[in-house]
Protein backbone atom coordinates (compact mmCIF):
# COMPACT_ATOMS: atom_id res chain seq x y z
CA MET A 1 38.97 49.07 206.61
CA PRO A 2 36.75 51.26 204.40
CA LYS A 3 34.66 49.31 201.93
CA ILE A 4 35.68 51.59 199.03
CA SER A 5 38.42 54.11 198.32
CA VAL A 6 37.01 56.64 195.85
CA ILE A 7 39.90 58.28 194.00
CA ILE A 8 39.18 61.68 192.44
CA PRO A 9 41.94 63.28 190.33
CA VAL A 10 41.38 67.04 190.09
CA TYR A 11 42.76 69.47 187.54
CA ASN A 12 41.11 72.87 187.04
CA THR A 13 37.56 71.74 187.75
CA GLU A 14 36.50 74.41 190.25
CA LYS A 15 33.15 74.63 188.47
CA TYR A 16 32.28 70.96 188.96
CA ILE A 17 34.16 69.47 191.92
CA GLU A 18 31.59 70.50 194.54
CA LYS A 19 28.77 68.64 192.78
CA CYS A 20 31.07 65.64 192.45
CA LEU A 21 31.74 65.62 196.20
CA GLU A 22 28.09 66.25 197.02
CA SER A 23 27.15 63.09 195.14
CA LEU A 24 29.39 61.15 197.53
CA GLU A 25 27.94 62.93 200.56
CA LYS A 26 24.49 61.70 199.49
CA GLN A 27 25.45 58.05 199.11
CA GLU A 28 23.08 55.62 200.83
CA MET A 29 25.98 53.30 201.67
CA GLN A 30 28.38 54.50 204.34
CA GLY A 31 31.89 53.39 205.23
CA PHE A 32 34.01 54.59 202.32
CA GLU A 33 36.92 56.99 202.03
CA VAL A 34 37.44 59.72 199.45
CA ILE A 35 40.93 60.46 198.14
CA VAL A 36 41.12 63.78 196.32
CA VAL A 37 44.33 64.25 194.31
CA ASN A 38 44.88 67.86 193.23
CA ASP A 39 47.11 67.48 190.16
CA GLY A 40 48.62 70.95 190.24
CA SER A 41 45.41 72.85 189.47
CA LYS A 42 45.89 76.49 188.45
CA ASP A 43 42.33 77.62 189.17
CA ASN A 44 40.47 77.77 192.50
CA SER A 45 39.90 74.02 192.79
CA LYS A 46 41.99 73.83 195.96
CA GLU A 47 39.96 76.54 197.72
CA VAL A 48 36.66 74.95 196.68
CA ILE A 49 37.75 71.55 197.99
CA LYS A 50 39.16 72.93 201.26
CA ASN A 51 35.96 74.86 201.95
CA TYR A 52 33.89 71.78 201.21
CA ILE A 53 35.91 69.61 203.58
CA LYS A 54 35.29 72.05 206.47
CA ASN A 55 31.57 71.34 206.41
CA SER A 56 31.58 67.75 205.20
CA ASN A 57 30.98 64.49 207.05
CA LEU A 58 32.89 62.58 204.38
CA ASN A 59 36.15 60.81 205.20
CA ILE A 60 38.27 62.86 202.78
CA LYS A 61 42.02 62.66 202.27
CA TYR A 62 43.18 65.74 200.39
CA LEU A 63 46.48 65.32 198.53
CA GLU A 64 48.48 67.61 196.26
CA LYS A 65 51.07 66.84 193.62
CA GLU A 66 52.78 68.50 190.67
CA ASN A 67 50.85 68.27 187.44
CA GLY A 68 51.44 64.91 185.79
CA GLY A 69 48.14 64.03 184.19
CA LEU A 70 45.25 61.74 184.97
CA ALA A 71 47.30 58.54 184.89
CA SER A 72 49.82 59.70 187.50
CA SER A 73 47.03 61.08 189.72
CA ARG A 74 45.19 57.76 189.72
CA ASN A 75 48.39 55.86 190.50
CA PHE A 76 49.16 58.29 193.33
CA GLY A 77 45.67 57.81 194.75
CA VAL A 78 45.93 54.03 194.62
CA GLU A 79 49.13 54.19 196.68
CA LYS A 80 47.22 56.03 199.45
CA ALA A 81 44.07 53.89 199.30
CA THR A 82 43.10 51.61 202.20
CA GLY A 83 39.66 50.41 201.08
CA LYS A 84 38.67 46.88 200.17
CA TYR A 85 37.71 48.19 196.72
CA ILE A 86 38.93 51.04 194.54
CA ALA A 87 36.65 53.30 192.51
CA PHE A 88 37.75 56.08 190.15
CA LEU A 89 35.59 59.20 189.83
CA ASP A 90 36.48 62.07 187.50
CA SER A 91 36.08 65.45 189.19
CA ASP A 92 33.58 66.82 186.67
CA ASP A 93 31.33 63.74 186.91
CA TYR A 94 29.06 62.56 189.72
CA LEU A 95 27.28 59.46 191.05
CA ASP A 96 23.68 58.50 191.75
CA LYS A 97 23.04 58.16 195.48
CA ASP A 98 22.27 54.43 195.36
CA ILE A 99 25.16 53.18 193.23
CA PHE A 100 27.37 51.90 196.07
CA SER A 101 24.46 50.40 198.02
CA SER A 102 23.35 48.59 194.86
CA LEU A 103 26.86 47.21 194.28
CA GLU A 104 27.50 46.27 197.91
CA LYS A 105 26.20 42.69 197.56
CA TYR A 106 28.86 42.02 194.92
CA MET A 107 31.61 43.52 197.06
CA ASP A 108 30.61 41.16 199.87
CA LYS A 109 31.37 38.24 197.53
CA ASP A 110 35.02 39.35 197.09
CA ILE A 111 34.75 39.58 193.32
CA ASP A 112 37.95 40.92 191.73
CA LEU A 113 36.26 43.19 189.21
CA ILE A 114 32.70 44.58 189.19
CA LYS A 115 31.40 46.42 186.13
CA PHE A 116 28.46 48.83 186.12
CA LYS A 117 27.06 51.32 183.62
CA MET A 118 27.17 55.04 182.95
CA LYS A 119 24.97 57.75 181.51
CA THR A 120 26.09 60.80 179.59
CA VAL A 121 24.48 63.96 180.96
CA ASP A 122 24.54 67.67 180.13
CA GLU A 123 25.30 70.47 182.59
CA LYS A 124 21.63 70.62 183.63
CA GLY A 125 21.65 66.93 184.55
CA ARG A 126 19.57 65.86 181.57
CA ILE A 127 20.33 62.34 180.38
CA LEU A 128 21.74 62.36 176.85
CA GLU A 129 22.38 58.64 176.55
CA LYS A 130 22.49 55.52 178.69
CA LEU A 131 25.56 53.56 177.66
CA ASP A 132 24.35 49.99 177.65
CA GLY A 133 26.25 46.73 177.27
CA PRO A 134 26.35 43.02 178.14
CA VAL A 135 25.22 41.82 181.56
CA PHE A 136 26.45 38.52 182.96
CA GLU A 137 26.93 36.69 186.25
CA VAL A 138 30.29 35.96 187.87
CA THR A 139 32.74 34.45 185.43
CA THR A 140 36.47 34.53 184.76
CA GLY A 141 38.06 37.63 183.36
CA GLU A 142 38.95 35.87 180.12
CA GLU A 143 35.42 34.64 179.57
CA GLY A 144 34.01 38.05 180.45
CA TYR A 145 36.40 39.78 178.09
CA GLU A 146 35.23 37.63 175.20
CA LYS A 147 31.65 38.77 175.90
CA LEU A 148 32.60 42.45 176.12
CA CYS A 149 35.19 43.05 173.43
CA THR A 150 32.86 42.32 170.53
CA THR A 151 29.62 43.88 171.80
CA ASP A 152 30.39 46.62 174.36
CA LYS A 153 31.35 50.02 172.91
CA TYR A 154 32.12 51.36 176.39
CA MET A 155 34.41 48.74 177.85
CA ASP A 156 37.45 50.94 178.47
CA PRO A 157 36.42 53.69 180.94
CA ALA A 158 38.15 53.07 184.28
CA CYS A 159 35.31 54.79 186.13
CA ILE A 160 32.71 52.08 185.43
CA TYR A 161 34.45 49.39 187.48
CA LEU A 162 35.05 48.56 191.11
CA TYR A 163 38.45 46.94 191.59
CA LYS A 164 39.34 44.78 194.57
CA ARG A 165 42.37 46.65 195.87
CA GLU A 166 44.31 43.50 196.74
CA PHE A 167 43.91 42.26 193.16
CA PHE A 168 44.84 45.66 191.70
CA VAL A 169 47.95 46.13 193.84
CA GLU A 170 49.24 42.55 193.63
CA ASN A 171 49.20 42.76 189.84
CA ASN A 172 51.01 46.13 189.96
CA PHE A 173 48.55 47.76 187.57
CA LYS A 174 49.67 51.26 186.56
CA TYR A 175 48.05 53.83 184.31
CA LYS A 176 50.49 55.21 181.74
CA LEU A 177 50.96 58.28 179.52
CA ARG A 178 48.65 61.30 179.22
CA TYR A 179 46.04 60.11 176.76
CA HIS A 180 43.86 57.01 176.42
CA GLU A 181 45.13 55.66 179.75
CA ASP A 182 41.90 53.65 180.17
CA PHE A 183 42.32 52.02 176.76
CA GLY A 184 45.88 51.16 177.72
CA LEU A 185 45.04 49.27 180.90
CA THR A 186 41.40 48.16 181.20
CA SER A 187 41.67 45.13 178.89
CA LEU A 188 44.77 43.94 180.73
CA ILE A 189 42.97 44.25 184.07
CA ILE A 190 39.93 42.32 182.85
CA VAL A 191 41.78 39.33 181.42
CA GLN A 192 43.87 38.93 184.57
CA SER A 193 40.90 38.95 186.94
CA LYS A 194 39.91 35.57 188.35
CA THR A 195 36.32 36.66 189.07
CA PHE A 196 34.45 39.26 187.05
CA ILE A 197 30.82 40.35 186.85
CA SER A 198 29.01 42.81 184.59
CA THR A 199 25.90 44.27 186.20
CA ASP A 200 22.93 46.26 184.88
CA ILE A 201 23.38 48.90 187.62
CA CYS A 202 23.63 52.37 186.07
CA GLY A 203 24.73 55.12 188.43
CA TYR A 204 27.73 56.96 186.98
CA ASN A 205 27.00 60.34 185.35
CA TYR A 206 29.51 61.32 182.68
CA LEU A 207 29.31 65.05 182.03
CA GLN A 208 29.38 66.33 178.45
CA THR A 209 30.15 70.02 178.07
CA GLU A 210 30.89 72.33 175.14
CA GLU A 211 34.47 72.48 176.39
CA SER A 212 34.89 68.70 176.26
CA LEU A 213 33.52 68.61 172.71
CA THR A 214 35.95 71.36 171.68
CA ARG A 215 38.91 69.48 173.17
CA SER A 216 38.10 66.42 171.06
CA LYS A 217 38.58 68.53 167.89
CA ASP A 218 42.03 69.87 168.83
CA ASP A 219 44.36 68.73 166.01
CA SER A 220 47.58 68.98 168.03
CA LYS A 221 46.13 66.92 170.87
CA ASN A 222 44.74 64.39 168.39
CA ILE A 223 48.30 63.83 167.17
CA ASP A 224 49.49 63.25 170.75
CA ARG A 225 46.53 60.94 171.40
CA ALA A 226 47.40 58.88 168.33
CA LYS A 227 51.01 58.53 169.45
CA ASP A 228 49.87 57.37 172.88
CA MET A 229 47.55 54.80 171.26
CA LEU A 230 50.55 53.25 169.54
CA ALA A 231 52.54 53.28 172.79
CA HIS A 232 49.68 51.54 174.61
CA TYR A 233 49.55 48.94 171.84
CA ASP A 234 53.28 48.24 172.18
CA ASN A 235 52.97 47.95 175.96
CA MET A 236 50.01 45.57 175.60
CA LEU A 237 52.05 43.21 173.39
CA ALA A 238 54.87 43.13 175.94
CA VAL A 239 52.49 42.46 178.85
CA ILE A 240 50.35 39.70 177.38
CA ASP A 241 53.17 37.90 175.57
CA ALA A 242 54.99 37.64 178.90
CA ASN A 243 51.89 36.36 180.76
CA TYR A 244 51.68 32.60 180.41
CA SER A 245 48.47 32.37 182.43
CA ILE A 246 46.47 34.06 179.64
CA SER A 247 45.22 31.68 176.94
CA GLU A 248 46.25 32.10 173.31
CA LYS A 249 42.60 32.65 172.39
CA THR A 250 42.34 35.58 174.80
CA LYS A 251 45.63 37.03 173.62
CA GLU A 252 44.28 37.01 170.07
CA LEU A 253 41.10 38.79 171.22
CA VAL A 254 43.09 41.48 173.05
CA LYS A 255 45.39 42.04 170.08
CA ARG A 256 42.44 42.33 167.71
CA TYR A 257 40.63 44.76 170.03
CA TYR A 258 43.68 47.01 170.35
CA THR A 259 44.32 46.81 166.61
CA ASN A 260 40.81 47.94 165.72
CA SER A 261 40.98 50.80 168.24
CA VAL A 262 44.36 51.99 166.95
CA ILE A 263 43.19 51.91 163.34
CA LEU A 264 40.04 53.91 164.10
CA LYS A 265 42.31 56.73 165.25
CA VAL A 266 43.34 57.27 161.62
CA GLY A 267 40.09 59.17 161.08
CA SER A 268 41.09 61.91 163.56
CA LEU A 269 44.33 62.76 161.73
CA LYS A 270 45.17 64.79 158.63
CA GLY A 271 47.96 65.23 156.11
CA LYS A 272 51.46 64.09 156.95
CA GLU A 273 50.50 63.06 160.48
CA LYS A 274 47.90 60.69 159.08
CA LYS A 275 50.42 59.23 156.61
CA GLN A 276 52.98 58.75 159.37
CA TYR A 277 50.42 57.08 161.64
CA ILE A 278 49.44 54.65 158.86
CA LYS A 279 53.13 53.96 158.30
CA GLU A 280 53.52 53.08 162.00
CA ILE A 281 50.54 50.70 161.81
CA LYS A 282 52.04 48.95 158.78
CA TYR A 283 55.44 48.78 160.47
CA ARG A 284 53.85 46.89 163.37
CA GLN A 285 52.18 44.45 160.93
CA MET A 286 48.88 44.76 162.74
CA TYR A 287 47.12 42.93 159.92
CA LYS A 288 48.48 39.71 161.44
CA ASN A 289 46.17 40.27 164.43
CA ILE A 290 43.11 39.71 162.19
CA LYS A 291 42.49 35.96 162.04
CA PRO A 292 40.14 35.49 159.07
CA GLU A 293 37.27 33.04 159.52
CA ASN A 294 35.36 33.97 156.37
CA LEU A 295 35.84 35.68 153.00
CA LYS A 296 35.00 39.16 154.30
CA GLN A 297 37.59 38.89 157.06
CA LYS A 298 40.18 37.67 154.56
CA ILE A 299 39.53 40.73 152.40
CA LYS A 300 39.77 43.02 155.46
CA ARG A 301 43.09 41.48 156.44
CA ILE A 302 44.49 42.10 152.95
CA LEU A 303 43.22 45.69 152.96
CA LEU A 304 44.69 46.29 156.40
CA LYS A 305 48.03 45.18 155.03
CA TYR A 306 47.95 47.23 151.85
CA ASN A 307 45.25 49.95 152.03
CA ILE A 308 44.05 51.05 155.46
CA SER A 309 41.73 53.74 154.06
CA LEU A 310 39.73 51.10 152.18
CA TYR A 311 39.78 48.90 155.26
CA LEU A 312 38.09 51.65 157.26
CA LYS A 313 35.37 52.02 154.63
CA MET A 314 34.47 48.33 155.06
CA ARG A 315 33.77 48.71 158.78
C-alpha cells in the first residue's frame, strides 16, 4: 500500500502542471502514488502530462473525465486512491521536497487528520506570505476545531491536510458544488476526526498569479460563489444536526464559523444581488447562531438580525 495518494485535479493548467509534478519527483520520501485527474481540459494539459509520464519515475495514474469542477475531480480521485493517506494538490501549486518526509512520523501514528502550513508565492517562486496558525499536539477533532476556528484564518483549504483514507472513506466525505468546496467540507471533516494534529511544518506553495487575482473580481462568479456559500451552510446544518456524536458546544462553534463566513461574502456583491443575499441570510435567521456572552456580542446579534451592513462595520 502506498503511504500517500496525491490527488491532482487538472483543468487548463498546461503552464504550471509540469512544475507541480516535478515537486513530487523531488520528494525525499518515497512510496506514494500520484493520481492526476484531467477534468476535461481544453488546452494542452493532457499532452504535457503524458510527455512527463514517459520520463518520470513517479507512480502516476492518469485519469480523464468530463468537466465537472474541482469538487467532482477530487471525489473521483479519492475513489481511485489506494494510499494510507490522501493529499490534495492543486495543479498550479507545488510542494517543498521535504514536506512528506517531515510529516511521515505523524502518518506512522495513524492520526486521522494531519494539518500543515502553506506559503503564498509568485510565479518566480518568491514567498509573498507564510500563512501561520495554531500548532498543537494530537487531540480530538472537536478540541482542535475550537482552537482553529477562532484564531486560524486559513483553516479551510483542503490542500493543507493529510487525511487517513480509511477515515475519509468510512465517513463518506464528498466535496460539493463548484465554489468554496473547501469551506463546505473542511469543518465537518475536522469535528468528526477522532485524532487530529496541527503541525508547524510549512511545505505547500500556493501560487498567486495576475489571472487568479482577476478571477476574484469577476462579478458574475462572485454571485455564483455567494449562492454556493448559502448551499454549503444549508448542507452543514443538515449534517451536524443529524450527527449525535458531535457535542452541542461544537455544533454552536461550527454554526458560528459558517455564519461569519457567509456574512463576509456580502462585501463582494452589489446592487440587487447584494440585497437578495442579505434577504437569504435573514430568512435563515443566522443571528440565532451568535450566542452573546457580553454587551458587544449582544449588539452584534441585534445588528445581524436587523442591519447586516452595520454588523459588518463592527467586525
